[in-house]
Amino acid sequence: MTFKSALPGEIAEEKTEWVRGQLETIDKTGTTESVQVMDRPIVVYTIRGRKSGLLRRVPLMRVEHDGSYGVVASKGGAPEHPAWYHNLQANPEVEVQDGTTQLIGIARELSGPEREQWWDRAVAAYPEYANYQTKTDRQIPVFVVEPVRTVG
């Protein structure tokens, strides 16, 4: 099974071997449930590159609440944001694959109490996020993706 995005455009080839392996497994099985990180579920976000315009698939930890998704730009506690952070800021329309469900949503970066609420949800879903925050001086950004429509 080959992934077909509901967003228009060409999908960029994944360069990182372990991420490519995750995406290949998801594509073969048709569900994100076939891949876990530290025994925890993931979702795949398809985000448009701000410079290239190519679609990039990004598997991240599943942080879901009432149909919306928290997206944590942790990069494992690195001093800089992940590349996809800048892409999502520039192009907030995103496709989400959660299990066999696909939807289109709009992302927005959070601040204040809303960010703290989603941060707490993220740490509950994947406790390692709390450790990542101790490794970096930057506040790890959190987005929420609110669904606009389902795909298929």
C-alpha atoms as a PDB file:
ATOM      1  CA  MET A   1       0.000   0.000   0.000  1.00  0.00           C
ATOM      2  CA  THR A   2       1.430   3.372  -1.005  1.00  0.00           C
ATOM      3  CA  PHE A   3       0.530   6.481   0.970  1.00  0.00           C
ATOM      4  CA  LYS A   4      -1.573   9.003  -0.933  1.00  0.00           C
ATOM      5  CA  SER A   5      -1.987  12.362   0.722  1.00  0.00           C
ATOM      6  CA  ALA A   6      -5.226  14.299   0.557  1.00  0.00           C
ATOM      7  CA  LEU A   7      -3.095  17.439   0.352  1.00  0.00           C
ATOM      8  CA  PRO A   8      -2.062  18.385  -3.177  1.00  0.00           C
ATOM      9  CA  GLY A   9       1.600  18.050  -4.023  1.00  0.00           C
ATOM     10  CA  GLU A  10       4.557  15.714  -4.223  1.00  0.00           C
ATOM     11  CA  ILE A  11       5.699  13.751  -1.176  1.00  0.00           C
ATOM     12  CA  ALA A  12       9.371  14.172  -0.284  1.00  0.00           C
ATOM     13  CA  GLU A  13      11.445  11.035   0.129  1.00  0.00           C
ATOM     14  CA  GLU A  14      12.378  10.459   3.765  1.00  0.00           C
ATOM     15  CA  LYS A  15      16.144  10.600   4.231  1.00  0.00           C
ATOM     16  CA  THR A  16      16.375   9.249   7.785  1.00  0.00           C
ATOM     17  CA  GLU A  17      16.531   5.455   7.654  1.00  0.00           C
ATOM     18  CA  TRP A  18      14.644   4.668  10.875  1.00  0.00           C
ATOM     19  CA  VAL A  19      11.849   7.127  10.024  1.00  0.00           C
ATOM     20  CA  ARG A  20      11.646   5.698   6.495  1.00  0.00           C
ATOM     21  CA  GLY A  21      11.314   2.232   8.060  1.00  0.00           C
ATOM     22  CA  GLN A  22       8.460   3.410  10.297  1.00  0.00           C
ATOM     23  CA  LEU A  23       6.632   4.955   7.339  1.00  0.00           C
ATOM     24  CA  GLU A  24       7.122   1.836   5.199  1.00  0.00           C
ATOM     25  CA  THR A  25       5.629  -0.330   7.959  1.00  0.00           C
ATOM     26  CA  ILE A  26       2.666   2.030   8.336  1.00  0.00           C
ATOM     27  CA  ASP A  27       2.117   2.059   4.574  1.00  0.00           C
ATOM     28  CA  LYS A  28       2.258  -1.763   4.343  1.00  0.00           C
ATOM     29  CA  THR A  29      -0.239  -2.262   7.161  1.00  0.00           C
ATOM     30  CA  GLY A  30      -2.429   0.764   6.448  1.00  0.00           C
ATOM     31  CA  THR A  31      -2.371   1.876  10.086  1.00  0.00           C
ATOM     32  CA  THR A  32      -0.157   3.819  12.465  1.00  0.00           C
ATOM     33  CA  GLU A  33      -0.994   1.172  15.076  1.00  0.00           C
ATOM     34  CA  SER A  34       1.696  -1.028  13.493  1.00  0.00           C
ATOM     35  CA  VAL A  35       4.460   1.229  14.859  1.00  0.00           C
ATOM     36  CA  GLN A  36       5.069   2.278  18.449  1.00  0.00           C
ATOM     37  CA  VAL A  37       7.855   4.140  20.214  1.00  0.00           C
ATOM     38  CA  MET A  38       8.634   2.908  23.723  1.00  0.00           C
ATOM     39  CA  ASP A  39       5.340   0.960  23.641  1.00  0.00           C
ATOM     40  CA  ARG A  40       3.373   4.130  22.945  1.00  0.00           C
ATOM     41  CA  PRO A  41       1.286   5.018  19.883  1.00  0.00           C
ATOM     42  CA  ILE A  42       2.291   7.458  17.192  1.00  0.00           C
ATOM     43  CA  VAL A  43       0.497   9.469  14.529  1.00  0.00           C
ATOM     44  CA  VAL A  44       1.867  10.717  11.221  1.00  0.00           C
ATOM     45  CA  TYR A  45       1.610  14.377  10.258  1.00  0.00           C
ATOM     46  CA  THR A  46       1.987  15.392   6.625  1.00  0.00           C
ATOM     47  CA  ILE A  47       3.333  18.948   6.521  1.00  0.00           C
ATOM     48  CA  ARG A  48       4.227  21.120   3.522  1.00  0.00           C
ATOM     49  CA  GLY A  49       7.833  22.332   3.366  1.00  0.00           C
ATOM     50  CA  ARG A  50       8.055  26.109   3.585  1.00  0.00           C
ATOM     51  CA  LYS A  51      10.871  26.372   1.018  1.00  0.00           C
ATOM     52  CA  SER A  52      10.456  23.314  -1.216  1.00  0.00           C
ATOM     53  CA  GLY A  53       6.665  23.045  -1.154  1.00  0.00           C
ATOM     54  CA  LEU A  54       7.107  19.265  -0.881  1.00  0.00           C
ATOM     55  CA  LEU A  55       4.957  17.273   1.524  1.00  0.00           C
ATOM     56  CA  ARG A  56       6.909  15.761   4.403  1.00  0.00           C
ATOM     57  CA  ARG A  57       5.604  12.947   6.595  1.00  0.00           C
ATOM     58  CA  VAL A  58       6.526  13.246  10.257  1.00  0.00           C
ATOM     59  CA  PRO A  59       5.772  10.421  12.735  1.00  0.00           C
ATOM     60  CA  LEU A  60       5.344  11.795  16.263  1.00  0.00           C
ATOM     61  CA  MET A  61       3.970  10.619  19.578  1.00  0.00           C
ATOM     62  CA  ARG A  62       0.171  10.469  19.772  1.00  0.00           C
ATOM     63  CA  VAL A  63      -1.244  13.249  21.957  1.00  0.00           C
ATOM     64  CA  GLU A  64      -4.992  13.372  21.314  1.00  0.00           C
ATOM     65  CA  HIS A  65      -7.823  15.017  23.238  1.00  0.00           C
ATOM     66  CA  ASP A  66     -11.446  15.338  22.094  1.00  0.00           C
ATOM     67  CA  GLY A  67     -10.481  14.857  18.440  1.00  0.00           C
ATOM     68  CA  SER A  68      -7.683  17.441  18.418  1.00  0.00           C
ATOM     69  CA  TYR A  69      -3.982  16.589  18.410  1.00  0.00           C
ATOM     70  CA  GLY A  70      -1.070  18.035  20.350  1.00  0.00           C
ATOM     71  CA  VAL A  71       2.151  18.308  18.358  1.00  0.00           C
ATOM     72  CA  VAL A  72       5.320  18.673  20.424  1.00  0.00           C
ATOM     73  CA  ALA A  73       8.430  20.141  18.759  1.00  0.00           C
ATOM     74  CA  SER A  74      10.866  18.521  21.184  1.00  0.00           C
ATOM     75  CA  LYS A  75      13.616  17.218  18.877  1.00  0.00           C
ATOM     76  CA  GLY A  76      14.657  15.077  21.832  1.00  0.00           C
ATOM     77  CA  GLY A  77      15.608  18.153  23.866  1.00  0.00           C
ATOM     78  CA  ALA A  78      18.037  19.503  21.258  1.00  0.00           C
ATOM     79  CA  PRO A  79      18.904  23.216  21.480  1.00  0.00           C
ATOM     80  CA  GLU A  80      17.120  23.980  18.184  1.00  0.00           C
ATOM     81  CA  HIS A  81      13.605  23.321  16.928  1.00  0.00           C
ATOM     82  CA  PRO A  82      13.024  20.455  14.498  1.00  0.00           C
ATOM     83  CA  ALA A  83      12.875  21.499  10.829  1.00  0.00           C
ATOM     84  CA  TRP A  84       9.195  20.598  10.621  1.00  0.00           C
ATOM     85  CA  TYR A  85       8.437  23.253  13.295  1.00  0.00           C
ATOM     86  CA  HIS A  86       9.221  26.042  10.815  1.00  0.00           C
ATOM     87  CA  ASN A  87       7.262  24.257   8.082  1.00  0.00           C
ATOM     88  CA  LEU A  88       4.195  23.979  10.317  1.00  0.00           C
ATOM     89  CA  GLN A  89       4.436  27.654  11.271  1.00  0.00           C
ATOM     90  CA  ALA A  90       4.541  28.625   7.591  1.00  0.00           C
ATOM     91  CA  ASN A  91       1.944  26.081   6.398  1.00  0.00           C
ATOM     92  CA  PRO A  92      -0.551  25.260   9.156  1.00  0.00           C
ATOM     93  CA  GLU A  93      -2.763  23.004   7.019  1.00  0.00           C
ATOM     94  CA  VAL A  94      -1.737  19.467   7.954  1.00  0.00           C
ATOM     95  CA  GLU A  95      -2.882  15.925   7.315  1.00  0.00           C
ATOM     96  CA  VAL A  96      -3.080  13.614  10.321  1.00  0.00           C
ATOM     97  CA  GLN A  97      -3.035   9.812  10.145  1.00  0.00           C
ATOM     98  CA  ASP A  98      -4.095   8.219  13.434  1.00  0.00           C
ATOM     99  CA  GLY A  99      -4.582   4.477  13.123  1.00  0.00           C
ATOM    100  CA  THR A 100      -6.594   4.095   9.924  1.00  0.00           C
ATOM    101  CA  THR A 101      -8.225   7.515  10.278  1.00  0.00           C
ATOM    102  CA  GLN A 102      -6.982  10.391   8.139  1.00  0.00           C
ATOM    103  CA  LEU A 103      -8.058  13.992   8.569  1.00  0.00           C
ATOM    104  CA  ILE A 104      -7.126  17.484   7.507  1.00  0.00           C
ATOM    105  CA  GLY A 105      -6.586  19.982  10.282  1.00  0.00           C
ATOM    106  CA  ILE A 106      -5.236  23.428  10.988  1.00  0.00           C
ATOM    107  CA  ALA A 107      -2.316  23.787  13.393  1.00  0.00           C
ATOM    108  CA  ARG A 108      -1.636  26.707  15.667  1.00  0.00           C
ATOM    109  CA  GLU A 109       1.177  27.227  18.124  1.00  0.00           C
ATOM    110  CA  LEU A 110       0.059  27.477  21.726  1.00  0.00           C
ATOM    111  CA  SER A 111       1.072  29.785  24.554  1.00  0.00           C
ATOM    112  CA  GLY A 112       0.050  30.489  28.122  1.00  0.00           C
ATOM    113  CA  PRO A 113      -2.416  28.261  29.979  1.00  0.00           C
ATOM    114  CA  GLU A 114      -3.548  26.490  26.807  1.00  0.00           C
ATOM    115  CA  ARG A 115       0.041  25.465  26.063  1.00  0.00           C
ATOM    116  CA  GLU A 116       0.506  24.266  29.641  1.00  0.00           C
ATOM    117  CA  GLN A 117      -2.670  22.176  29.432  1.00  0.00           C
ATOM    118  CA  TRP A 118      -1.513  20.515  26.207  1.00  0.00           C
ATOM    119  CA  TRP A 119       2.028  20.126  27.581  1.00  0.00           C
ATOM    120  CA  ASP A 120       0.595  18.212  30.555  1.00  0.00           C
ATOM    121  CA  ARG A 121      -1.359  15.993  28.152  1.00  0.00           C
ATOM    122  CA  ALA A 122       1.792  15.414  26.112  1.00  0.00           C
ATOM    123  CA  VAL A 123       3.833  14.423  29.166  1.00  0.00           C
ATOM    124  CA  ALA A 124       1.036  12.072  30.260  1.00  0.00           C
ATOM    125  CA  ALA A 125       1.068  10.470  26.798  1.00  0.00           C
ATOM    126  CA  TYR A 126       4.877  10.304  26.587  1.00  0.00           C
ATOM    127  CA  PRO A 127       6.667  11.038  29.901  1.00  0.00           C
ATOM    128  CA  GLU A 128      10.050  11.398  28.162  1.00  0.00           C
ATOM    129  CA  TYR A 129       8.949  14.890  27.031  1.00  0.00           C
ATOM    130  CA  ALA A 130       9.556  16.129  30.597  1.00  0.00           C
ATOM    131  CA  ASN A 131      13.155  14.881  30.387  1.00  0.00           C
ATOM    132  CA  TYR A 132      13.604  16.524  26.994  1.00  0.00           C
ATOM    133  CA  GLN A 133      12.622  19.889  28.491  1.00  0.00           C
ATOM    134  CA  THR A 134      15.379  19.588  31.117  1.00  0.00           C
ATOM    135  CA  LYS A 135      17.986  19.090  28.352  1.00  0.00           C
ATOM    136  CA  THR A 136      17.352  22.408  26.601  1.00  0.00           C
ATOM    137  CA  ASP A 137      17.148  26.108  27.425  1.00  0.00           C
ATOM    138  CA  ARG A 138      14.357  26.691  24.906  1.00  0.00           C
ATOM    139  CA  GLN A 139      10.727  26.211  25.819  1.00  0.00           C
ATOM    140  CA  ILE A 140       9.609  23.258  23.722  1.00  0.00           C
ATOM    141  CA  PRO A 141       6.858  24.489  21.391  1.00  0.00           C
ATOM    142  CA  VAL A 142       3.452  22.835  21.391  1.00  0.00           C
ATOM    143  CA  PHE A 143       0.890  23.092  18.602  1.00  0.00           C
ATOM    144  CA  VAL A 144      -2.685  21.920  18.516  1.00  0.00           C
ATOM    145  CA  VAL A 145      -4.139  20.539  15.289  1.00  0.00           C
ATOM    146  CA  GLU A 146      -7.884  21.039  15.134  1.00  0.00           C
ATOM    147  CA  PRO A 147      -9.711  18.894  12.585  1.00  0.00           C
ATOM    148  CA  VAL A 148     -11.414  20.515   9.614  1.00  0.00           C
ATOM    149  CA  ARG A 149     -12.549  17.391   7.732  1.00  0.00           C
ATOM    150  CA  THR A 150     -11.943  13.681   7.537  1.00  0.00           C
ATOM    151  CA  VAL A 151     -10.372  12.100   4.469  1.00  0.00           C
ATOM    152  CA  GLY A 152     -11.917   9.219   2.565  1.00  0.00           C
END
